[in-house]
Amino acid sequence: MPNIRPVSDLRNYSNVVKDVKYGNPVYLTKNGHGVIAMVSMEELDDLEKELALYKFKLEMKKGEDSIKEHGTYTSEEIMKELGI
């Protein structure tokens, strides 16, 4: 079950922080609307790694699609284009 608390609970910061664990973020609300999510540093690191991997896979897919659509160049064609 999500750990949802009002942002005013931050007055007693240590009680809020002790509830933040890997896989168990604490969501803080103001006037019934979410404003802050607190996650453990380990979980944040893992999320950032997953995002970086996703972005890498997306760029690789773009490259593959470009090769399929436009083809590739030989080393001779590249050298000629560069004037080498």
N, C-alpha and C. Protein backbone atom coordinates (compact mmCIF):
# COMPACT_ATOMS: atom_id res chain seq x y z
N MET A 1 0.85 -1.18 0.00
CA MET A 1 0.00 0.00 0.00
C MET A 1 0.89 1.24 0.00
N PRO A 2 0.56 2.24 -0.82
CA PRO A 2 1.40 3.44 -0.90
C PRO A 2 1.45 4.18 0.44
N ASN A 3 2.60 4.75 0.71
CA ASN A 3 2.79 5.54 1.92
C ASN A 3 2.56 7.00 1.56
N ILE A 4 1.35 7.49 1.80
CA ILE A 4 0.95 8.84 1.44
C ILE A 4 0.75 9.64 2.72
N ARG A 5 1.42 10.80 2.76
CA ARG A 5 1.34 11.63 3.97
C ARG A 5 1.24 13.09 3.55
N PRO A 6 0.66 13.91 4.40
CA PRO A 6 0.61 15.35 4.08
C PRO A 6 2.00 15.97 4.22
N VAL A 7 2.28 16.96 3.40
CA VAL A 7 3.58 17.62 3.42
C VAL A 7 3.86 18.24 4.79
N SER A 8 2.82 18.55 5.53
CA SER A 8 3.01 19.12 6.87
C SER A 8 3.73 18.15 7.80
N ASP A 9 3.72 16.85 7.48
CA ASP A 9 4.46 15.87 8.28
C ASP A 9 5.97 16.12 8.26
N LEU A 10 6.42 16.93 7.31
CA LEU A 10 7.85 17.22 7.24
C LEU A 10 8.33 18.04 8.45
N ARG A 11 7.40 18.58 9.20
CA ARG A 11 7.81 19.28 10.43
C ARG A 11 8.57 18.33 11.34
N ASN A 12 8.17 17.07 11.29
CA ASN A 12 8.87 16.02 12.04
C ASN A 12 9.59 15.14 11.01
N TYR A 13 10.60 15.74 10.38
CA TYR A 13 11.29 15.15 9.24
C TYR A 13 11.80 13.74 9.50
N SER A 14 12.35 13.49 10.64
CA SER A 14 12.95 12.18 10.92
C SER A 14 11.90 11.06 10.90
N ASN A 15 10.67 11.35 11.29
CA ASN A 15 9.62 10.34 11.25
C ASN A 15 9.22 10.00 9.80
N VAL A 16 9.33 10.98 8.91
CA VAL A 16 9.00 10.74 7.50
C VAL A 16 10.14 9.94 6.86
N VAL A 17 11.37 10.36 7.10
CA VAL A 17 12.53 9.73 6.46
C VAL A 17 12.67 8.27 6.86
N LYS A 18 12.36 7.93 8.09
CA LYS A 18 12.53 6.53 8.54
C LYS A 18 11.61 5.58 7.78
N ASP A 19 10.54 6.11 7.18
CA ASP A 19 9.62 5.27 6.42
C ASP A 19 10.04 5.07 4.97
N VAL A 20 11.03 5.83 4.50
CA VAL A 20 11.50 5.71 3.12
C VAL A 20 12.45 4.52 3.03
N LYS A 21 12.08 3.54 2.22
CA LYS A 21 12.89 2.35 2.03
C LYS A 21 12.86 1.98 0.55
N TYR A 22 13.81 1.13 0.14
CA TYR A 22 13.85 0.69 -1.25
C TYR A 22 12.51 0.02 -1.59
N GLY A 23 11.89 0.47 -2.66
CA GLY A 23 10.61 -0.10 -3.07
C GLY A 23 9.42 0.44 -2.30
N ASN A 24 9.68 1.36 -1.37
CA ASN A 24 8.60 1.92 -0.55
C ASN A 24 8.80 3.44 -0.44
N PRO A 25 8.51 4.16 -1.53
CA PRO A 25 8.65 5.61 -1.47
C PRO A 25 7.58 6.23 -0.57
N VAL A 26 7.83 7.43 -0.14
CA VAL A 26 6.84 8.19 0.62
C VAL A 26 6.36 9.33 -0.27
N TYR A 27 5.06 9.41 -0.46
CA TYR A 27 4.46 10.46 -1.27
C TYR A 27 3.89 11.52 -0.35
N LEU A 28 4.28 12.77 -0.59
CA LEU A 28 3.78 13.87 0.23
C LEU A 28 2.77 14.68 -0.57
N THR A 29 1.69 15.04 0.09
CA THR A 29 0.61 15.76 -0.58
C THR A 29 0.39 17.12 0.07
N LYS A 30 -0.17 18.01 -0.73
CA LYS A 30 -0.59 19.33 -0.23
C LYS A 30 -1.99 19.57 -0.77
N ASN A 31 -2.91 19.81 0.12
CA ASN A 31 -4.32 19.99 -0.24
C ASN A 31 -4.84 18.80 -1.06
N GLY A 32 -4.38 17.61 -0.71
CA GLY A 32 -4.86 16.39 -1.35
C GLY A 32 -4.21 16.05 -2.68
N HIS A 33 -3.25 16.85 -3.12
CA HIS A 33 -2.58 16.61 -4.39
C HIS A 33 -1.10 16.28 -4.15
N GLY A 34 -0.58 15.32 -4.89
CA GLY A 34 0.81 14.93 -4.75
C GLY A 34 1.75 16.06 -5.14
N VAL A 35 2.78 16.30 -4.31
CA VAL A 35 3.75 17.35 -4.61
C VAL A 35 5.20 16.84 -4.54
N ILE A 36 5.46 15.83 -3.73
CA ILE A 36 6.83 15.35 -3.54
C ILE A 36 6.79 13.84 -3.37
N ALA A 37 7.80 13.18 -3.96
CA ALA A 37 7.99 11.75 -3.71
C ALA A 37 9.40 11.59 -3.14
N MET A 38 9.51 10.88 -2.05
CA MET A 38 10.82 10.62 -1.43
C MET A 38 11.16 9.15 -1.66
N VAL A 39 12.34 8.91 -2.27
CA VAL A 39 12.80 7.54 -2.51
C VAL A 39 14.19 7.39 -1.92
N SER A 40 14.57 6.16 -1.64
CA SER A 40 15.90 5.92 -1.11
C SER A 40 16.95 6.22 -2.18
N MET A 41 18.16 6.56 -1.77
CA MET A 41 19.23 6.86 -2.72
C MET A 41 19.54 5.64 -3.59
N GLU A 42 19.51 4.45 -3.00
CA GLU A 42 19.78 3.23 -3.77
C GLU A 42 18.73 3.06 -4.87
N GLU A 43 17.48 3.28 -4.53
CA GLU A 43 16.41 3.15 -5.52
C GLU A 43 16.55 4.23 -6.60
N LEU A 44 16.89 5.45 -6.20
CA LEU A 44 17.08 6.53 -7.17
C LEU A 44 18.21 6.18 -8.13
N ASP A 45 19.32 5.65 -7.62
CA ASP A 45 20.43 5.23 -8.48
C ASP A 45 19.97 4.17 -9.48
N ASP A 46 19.21 3.20 -9.01
CA ASP A 46 18.71 2.14 -9.90
C ASP A 46 17.76 2.71 -10.96
N LEU A 47 16.91 3.64 -10.57
CA LEU A 47 15.99 4.26 -11.52
C LEU A 47 16.74 5.05 -12.58
N GLU A 48 17.80 5.77 -12.16
CA GLU A 48 18.60 6.53 -13.11
C GLU A 48 19.33 5.60 -14.08
N LYS A 49 19.81 4.47 -13.59
CA LYS A 49 20.47 3.50 -14.47
C LYS A 49 19.48 2.93 -15.48
N GLU A 50 18.28 2.61 -15.02
CA GLU A 50 17.25 2.09 -15.93
C GLU A 50 16.89 3.12 -16.99
N LEU A 51 16.79 4.38 -16.59
CA LEU A 51 16.47 5.44 -17.54
C LEU A 51 17.59 5.60 -18.57
N ALA A 52 18.85 5.56 -18.12
CA ALA A 52 19.98 5.67 -19.04
C ALA A 52 19.98 4.51 -20.02
N LEU A 53 19.70 3.31 -19.55
CA LEU A 53 19.65 2.13 -20.42
C LEU A 53 18.52 2.27 -21.43
N TYR A 54 17.37 2.75 -20.99
CA TYR A 54 16.24 2.95 -21.89
C TYR A 54 16.61 3.96 -22.98
N LYS A 55 17.24 5.08 -22.59
CA LYS A 55 17.64 6.09 -23.57
C LYS A 55 18.65 5.52 -24.56
N PHE A 56 19.59 4.71 -24.07
CA PHE A 56 20.58 4.08 -24.94
C PHE A 56 19.89 3.16 -25.95
N LYS A 57 18.96 2.33 -25.48
CA LYS A 57 18.24 1.42 -26.38
C LYS A 57 17.44 2.20 -27.41
N LEU A 58 16.85 3.33 -27.00
CA LEU A 58 16.09 4.15 -27.92
C LEU A 58 16.99 4.71 -29.02
N GLU A 59 18.17 5.19 -28.64
CA GLU A 59 19.11 5.72 -29.63
C GLU A 59 19.61 4.62 -30.56
N MET A 60 19.85 3.44 -30.02
CA MET A 60 20.27 2.31 -30.86
C MET A 60 19.17 1.97 -31.86
N LYS A 61 17.93 1.99 -31.44
CA LYS A 61 16.80 1.70 -32.33
C LYS A 61 16.72 2.75 -33.45
N LYS A 62 16.94 4.02 -33.09
CA LYS A 62 16.93 5.07 -34.10
C LYS A 62 18.02 4.81 -35.14
N GLY A 63 19.21 4.41 -34.66
CA GLY A 63 20.31 4.11 -35.57
C GLY A 63 19.99 2.94 -36.48
N GLU A 64 19.42 1.89 -35.92
CA GLU A 64 19.05 0.73 -36.72
C GLU A 64 18.01 1.10 -37.77
N ASP A 65 17.03 1.90 -37.37
CA ASP A 65 15.99 2.33 -38.32
C ASP A 65 16.59 3.18 -39.44
N SER A 66 17.55 4.04 -39.08
CA SER A 66 18.21 4.87 -40.09
C SER A 66 18.97 4.01 -41.09
N ILE A 67 19.66 2.99 -40.58
CA ILE A 67 20.40 2.08 -41.47
C ILE A 67 19.44 1.36 -42.41
N LYS A 68 18.31 0.91 -41.88
CA LYS A 68 17.33 0.21 -42.72
C LYS A 68 16.75 1.15 -43.79
N GLU A 69 16.53 2.40 -43.40
CA GLU A 69 15.90 3.34 -44.33
C GLU A 69 16.90 3.92 -45.33
N HIS A 70 18.10 4.27 -44.87
CA HIS A 70 19.05 4.99 -45.72
C HIS A 70 20.26 4.16 -46.13
N GLY A 71 20.44 3.01 -45.52
CA GLY A 71 21.60 2.19 -45.85
C GLY A 71 22.85 2.68 -45.12
N THR A 72 24.00 2.15 -45.54
CA THR A 72 25.27 2.51 -44.92
C THR A 72 26.25 2.96 -45.99
N TYR A 73 27.40 3.47 -45.56
CA TYR A 73 28.46 3.91 -46.45
C TYR A 73 29.66 3.00 -46.28
N THR A 74 30.40 2.78 -47.37
CA THR A 74 31.64 2.04 -47.27
C THR A 74 32.73 2.99 -46.77
N SER A 75 33.83 2.43 -46.32
CA SER A 75 34.93 3.27 -45.84
C SER A 75 35.48 4.12 -46.99
N GLU A 76 35.47 3.58 -48.21
CA GLU A 76 35.94 4.34 -49.36
C GLU A 76 35.05 5.56 -49.62
N GLU A 77 33.75 5.39 -49.49
CA GLU A 77 32.81 6.50 -49.69
C GLU A 77 33.03 7.58 -48.64
N ILE A 78 33.27 7.17 -47.42
CA ILE A 78 33.50 8.14 -46.34
C ILE A 78 34.80 8.89 -46.58
N MET A 79 35.85 8.18 -46.95
CA MET A 79 37.15 8.82 -47.20
C MET A 79 37.04 9.80 -48.36
N LYS A 80 36.30 9.42 -49.40
CA LYS A 80 36.11 10.32 -50.55
C LYS A 80 35.35 11.57 -50.11
N GLU A 81 34.31 11.39 -49.31
CA GLU A 81 33.51 12.53 -48.83
C GLU A 81 34.36 13.47 -47.98
N LEU A 82 35.29 12.91 -47.20
CA LEU A 82 36.16 13.71 -46.33
C LEU A 82 37.37 14.25 -47.08
N GLY A 83 37.55 13.81 -48.31
CA GLY A 83 38.68 14.28 -49.11
C GLY A 83 40.00 13.67 -48.68
N ILE A 84 39.95 12.47 -48.20
CA ILE A 84 41.17 11.79 -47.73
C ILE A 84 41.68 10.85 -48.81
